[in-house]
């Protein structure tokens, strides 16, 4: 189906079968689900300055977070749309757990409106969604990180590639501490046979970053395989 026919169908479906905003419950059409325009506008943004890796900084902290100052961060640069709360949290939850696939379009469009995000993509070689384990992918039916990556790859020269595989089915990270999260995803990722990332600038994409354990595990695998630099873009960041 062509892009024109797809958008025509979505507009018609939105008029015939309107849905409710996942944040305020107001009725919306097909133009920009799963939020209404007012709730998209209310997405919580970071008030504090950000480190180059995307971590919010205290006002007097300087230009880098503690990990970057000590050389401990392996993510060269990072960006997120906003804080994982309010309407953005409700959007991501609906996207990830309720099958609201078209949220990827609204999220990626707003990420691409951010100068930091565009700068990360401008000279990148590939965009990589954090992979799901095959069993979890079968259960969910889609990989939300991959859908976001496709939307972001419309900017710049980089294209979506899948050099990573999730080889361990780990438990949910939701209720784990930072140390437990790192242990949980250790050795969870491996390079796909035949995948080549040597010398490449890679942008990792995921829905939410909390402690950064999953992004870090993916980045280590890519860097060990010869990637020149790993950056990250997420829809939201939990403080």
Protein backbone atom coordinates (compact mmCIF):
# COMPACT_ATOMS: atom_id res chain seq x y z
CA UNK A 1 0.00 0.00 0.00
CA UNK A 2 1.38 3.39 -0.98
CA UNK A 3 1.95 6.12 1.59
CA UNK A 4 -0.93 8.15 0.08
CA UNK A 5 -3.36 5.22 0.33
CA UNK A 6 -2.17 4.40 3.84
CA UNK A 7 -2.77 7.94 5.09
CA UNK A 8 -6.12 8.13 3.28
CA UNK A 9 -7.23 4.90 4.94
CA UNK A 10 -6.04 6.08 8.35
CA UNK A 11 -7.91 9.38 7.99
CA UNK A 12 -11.09 7.55 6.94
CA UNK A 13 -10.74 5.02 9.75
CA UNK A 14 -10.22 7.85 12.24
CA UNK A 15 -13.39 9.56 11.09
CA UNK A 16 -15.45 6.38 11.17
CA UNK A 17 -13.90 4.82 14.27
CA UNK A 18 -12.54 7.59 16.52
CA UNK A 19 -10.54 6.54 19.55
CA UNK A 20 -9.88 8.17 22.88
CA UNK A 21 -6.67 9.89 23.97
CA UNK A 22 -4.78 7.60 26.34
CA UNK A 23 -4.00 10.55 28.60
CA UNK A 24 -7.15 12.68 28.89
CA UNK A 25 -9.69 10.25 27.36
CA UNK A 26 -10.89 12.90 24.89
CA UNK A 27 -11.93 11.62 21.46
CA UNK A 28 -9.34 11.81 18.67
CA UNK A 29 -9.23 10.76 15.05
CA UNK A 30 -6.45 9.02 13.14
CA UNK A 31 -4.16 12.00 12.63
CA UNK A 32 -1.84 11.66 15.62
CA UNK A 33 -2.77 8.84 18.01
CA UNK A 34 -2.62 7.84 20.81
CA UNK A 35 -2.61 11.39 22.25
CA UNK A 36 -4.70 14.42 21.40
CA UNK A 37 -2.88 17.58 20.32
CA UNK A 38 -3.20 19.13 23.78
CA UNK A 39 -1.64 16.09 25.48
CA UNK A 40 1.15 15.90 22.91
CA UNK A 41 1.89 19.52 23.78
CA UNK A 42 1.97 18.66 27.49
CA UNK A 43 4.71 16.04 27.17
CA UNK A 44 7.05 16.66 30.12
CA UNK A 45 10.35 18.13 29.02
CA UNK A 46 13.64 18.42 30.87
CA UNK A 47 14.09 21.75 32.65
CA UNK A 48 17.69 21.07 33.69
CA UNK A 49 20.61 21.09 31.23
CA UNK A 50 21.59 17.73 29.73
CA UNK A 51 24.92 15.94 29.52
CA UNK A 52 26.11 14.92 26.06
CA UNK A 53 25.00 11.35 26.92
CA UNK A 54 21.46 12.63 27.58
CA UNK A 55 21.53 12.50 31.38
CA UNK A 56 19.84 15.48 33.13
CA UNK A 57 22.35 17.61 35.05
CA UNK A 58 22.06 19.65 38.21
CA UNK A 59 22.34 23.34 37.37
CA UNK A 60 25.85 23.71 38.79
CA UNK A 61 27.21 20.40 37.56
CA UNK A 62 28.91 21.64 34.43
CA UNK A 63 28.59 20.17 30.95
CA UNK A 64 29.11 16.46 31.74
CA UNK A 65 27.55 14.01 34.19
CA UNK A 66 29.69 12.21 36.75
CA UNK A 67 30.04 9.05 34.64
CA UNK A 68 31.14 10.98 31.55
CA UNK A 69 33.63 13.07 33.58
CA UNK A 70 35.18 9.86 34.90
CA UNK A 71 35.24 8.27 31.45
CA UNK A 72 32.82 5.52 32.48
CA UNK A 73 30.07 6.11 29.91
CA UNK A 74 30.38 4.16 26.68
CA UNK A 75 27.54 6.09 25.02
CA UNK A 76 29.17 8.91 23.08
CA UNK A 77 26.01 11.04 22.85
CA UNK A 78 22.37 10.56 23.69
CA UNK A 79 18.96 12.23 23.47
CA UNK A 80 15.41 11.61 24.67
CA UNK A 81 12.11 13.29 23.90
CA UNK A 82 11.34 13.96 27.55
CA UNK A 83 10.75 12.65 31.03
CA UNK A 84 8.96 9.31 31.47
CA UNK A 85 5.92 10.70 33.23
CA UNK A 86 2.53 12.23 32.47
CA UNK A 87 1.28 12.07 28.91
CA UNK A 88 4.59 10.76 27.54
CA UNK A 89 4.54 7.81 29.94
CA UNK A 90 0.94 7.04 29.04
CA UNK A 91 1.81 7.21 25.35
CA UNK A 92 4.79 4.86 25.68
CA UNK A 93 2.84 2.38 27.82
CA UNK A 94 0.00 2.31 25.27
CA UNK A 95 2.53 1.89 22.47
CA UNK A 96 4.45 -0.90 24.15
CA UNK A 97 1.78 -2.90 25.97
CA UNK A 98 -1.51 -2.06 24.25
CA UNK A 99 -0.44 -2.45 20.65
CA UNK A 100 -0.88 1.23 19.70
CA UNK A 101 1.64 0.89 16.88
CA UNK A 102 0.96 4.28 15.32
CA UNK A 103 2.39 5.95 18.41
CA UNK A 104 5.77 5.27 16.78
CA UNK A 105 4.98 7.86 14.11
CA UNK A 106 4.09 10.61 16.57
CA UNK A 107 7.05 9.85 18.82
CA UNK A 108 9.60 9.68 16.01
CA UNK A 109 8.26 12.87 14.39
CA UNK A 110 8.68 14.77 17.65
CA UNK A 111 12.12 13.31 18.22
CA UNK A 112 13.14 14.48 14.76
CA UNK A 113 11.92 17.98 15.62
CA UNK A 114 14.61 18.07 18.34
CA UNK A 115 17.96 19.50 17.26
CA UNK A 116 19.94 17.14 19.51
CA UNK A 117 18.27 14.10 18.00
CA UNK A 118 18.84 15.26 14.43
CA UNK A 119 22.50 15.88 15.21
CA UNK A 120 22.89 12.30 16.44
CA UNK A 121 21.43 10.92 13.22
CA UNK A 122 22.98 13.31 10.70
CA UNK A 123 26.31 11.51 10.23
CA UNK A 124 25.40 8.07 11.61
CA UNK A 125 25.95 4.90 9.58
CA UNK A 126 23.13 2.79 10.98
CA UNK A 127 20.09 2.97 13.25
CA UNK A 128 19.54 -0.10 15.44
CA UNK A 129 16.50 -0.86 17.56
CA UNK A 130 17.26 -2.71 20.79
CA UNK A 131 16.18 -6.27 19.94
CA UNK A 132 13.65 -8.40 21.79
CA UNK A 133 14.17 -12.08 22.55
CA UNK A 134 12.40 -14.15 19.83
CA UNK A 135 9.95 -15.60 22.35
CA UNK A 136 8.97 -12.16 23.65
CA UNK A 137 8.73 -10.82 20.09
CA UNK A 138 6.34 -13.65 19.23
CA UNK A 139 4.20 -12.89 22.29
CA UNK A 140 4.06 -9.13 21.68
CA UNK A 141 3.88 -9.33 17.90
CA UNK A 142 6.17 -6.34 17.30
CA UNK A 143 9.31 -4.68 18.58
CA UNK A 144 8.54 -1.11 19.68
CA UNK A 145 12.22 -0.11 19.45
CA UNK A 146 12.37 -1.30 15.85
CA UNK A 147 9.27 0.71 14.91
CA UNK A 148 10.82 3.83 16.44
CA UNK A 149 14.08 3.16 14.63
CA UNK A 150 12.25 3.01 11.29
CA UNK A 151 10.69 6.41 11.92
CA UNK A 152 14.01 7.96 12.89
CA UNK A 153 15.82 6.51 9.88
CA UNK A 154 13.80 8.81 7.62
CA UNK A 155 16.32 11.52 8.56
CA UNK A 156 19.92 11.53 7.34
CA UNK A 157 21.73 8.79 5.45
CA UNK A 158 21.57 6.02 8.07
CA UNK A 159 19.23 3.07 7.55
CA UNK A 160 17.77 0.57 9.96
CA UNK A 161 19.94 -2.49 10.40
CA UNK A 162 19.71 -5.45 12.78
CA UNK A 163 23.24 -6.52 13.73
CA UNK A 164 22.22 -7.47 17.29
CA UNK A 165 20.29 -10.46 18.63
CA UNK A 166 18.91 -10.97 22.11
CA UNK A 167 20.15 -14.44 23.01
CA UNK A 168 18.93 -14.60 26.61
CA UNK A 169 15.34 -14.12 27.70
CA UNK A 170 15.79 -11.91 30.74
CA UNK A 171 13.24 -11.00 33.37
CA UNK A 172 11.52 -7.62 33.20
CA UNK A 173 13.77 -4.77 34.35
CA UNK A 174 10.86 -2.79 35.82
CA UNK A 175 11.29 -3.64 39.50
CA UNK A 176 15.04 -4.30 39.56
CA UNK A 177 17.74 -2.15 41.12
CA UNK A 178 20.54 -0.67 39.02
CA UNK A 179 22.93 -3.49 39.97
CA UNK A 180 20.27 -6.13 39.30
CA UNK A 181 19.52 -4.59 35.91
CA UNK A 182 23.18 -4.77 34.89
CA UNK A 183 23.39 -8.41 35.96
CA UNK A 184 20.09 -9.21 34.28
CA UNK A 185 21.23 -8.10 30.80
CA UNK A 186 24.87 -9.18 31.04
CA UNK A 187 25.58 -11.49 28.08
CA UNK A 188 21.98 -11.01 26.89
CA UNK A 189 23.05 -9.69 23.45
CA UNK A 190 25.25 -11.04 20.68
CA UNK A 191 26.15 -10.10 17.15
CA UNK A 192 24.14 -11.66 14.36
CA UNK A 193 26.28 -13.97 12.27
CA UNK A 194 27.66 -12.07 9.30
CA UNK A 195 26.70 -8.64 10.65
CA UNK A 196 29.38 -6.00 10.10
CA UNK A 197 29.70 -2.87 12.25
CA UNK A 198 33.44 -2.30 12.12
CA UNK A 199 34.18 1.42 11.93
CA UNK A 200 30.48 2.35 12.01
CA UNK A 201 28.73 5.08 13.97
CA UNK A 202 25.67 3.35 15.42
CA UNK A 203 22.55 4.96 16.90
CA UNK A 204 20.78 2.63 19.34
CA UNK A 205 17.04 3.23 19.73
CA UNK A 206 14.72 2.17 22.56
CA UNK A 207 11.46 3.30 24.12
CA UNK A 208 12.69 4.19 27.64
CA UNK A 209 16.06 4.41 29.33
CA UNK A 210 16.14 4.13 33.13
CA UNK A 211 19.55 3.10 34.45
CA UNK A 212 20.96 2.57 30.96
CA UNK A 213 21.81 -1.10 31.62
CA UNK A 214 20.18 -2.42 28.43
CA UNK A 215 21.62 0.30 26.20
CA UNK A 216 25.04 -0.25 27.78
CA UNK A 217 24.91 -4.02 27.19
CA UNK A 218 24.02 -3.47 23.52
CA UNK A 219 26.72 -0.82 23.13
CA UNK A 220 29.40 -3.07 24.62
CA UNK A 221 28.52 -5.80 22.15
CA UNK A 222 28.71 -3.37 19.22
CA UNK A 223 31.97 -1.79 20.38
CA UNK A 224 33.55 -5.21 20.93
CA UNK A 225 32.59 -6.01 17.32
CA UNK A 226 34.46 -2.92 16.12
CA UNK A 227 31.87 -0.13 16.02
CA UNK A 228 33.61 3.25 16.08
CA UNK A 229 30.98 5.02 18.19
CA UNK A 230 27.62 4.21 19.77
CA UNK A 231 24.95 6.85 20.40
CA UNK A 232 21.46 6.44 21.82
CA UNK A 233 17.99 7.88 21.23
CA UNK A 234 15.02 6.97 23.41
CA UNK A 235 11.45 8.22 23.45
CA UNK A 236 11.65 8.85 27.19
CA UNK A 237 14.11 8.87 30.06
CA UNK A 238 13.25 7.90 33.63
CA UNK A 239 15.13 9.91 36.26
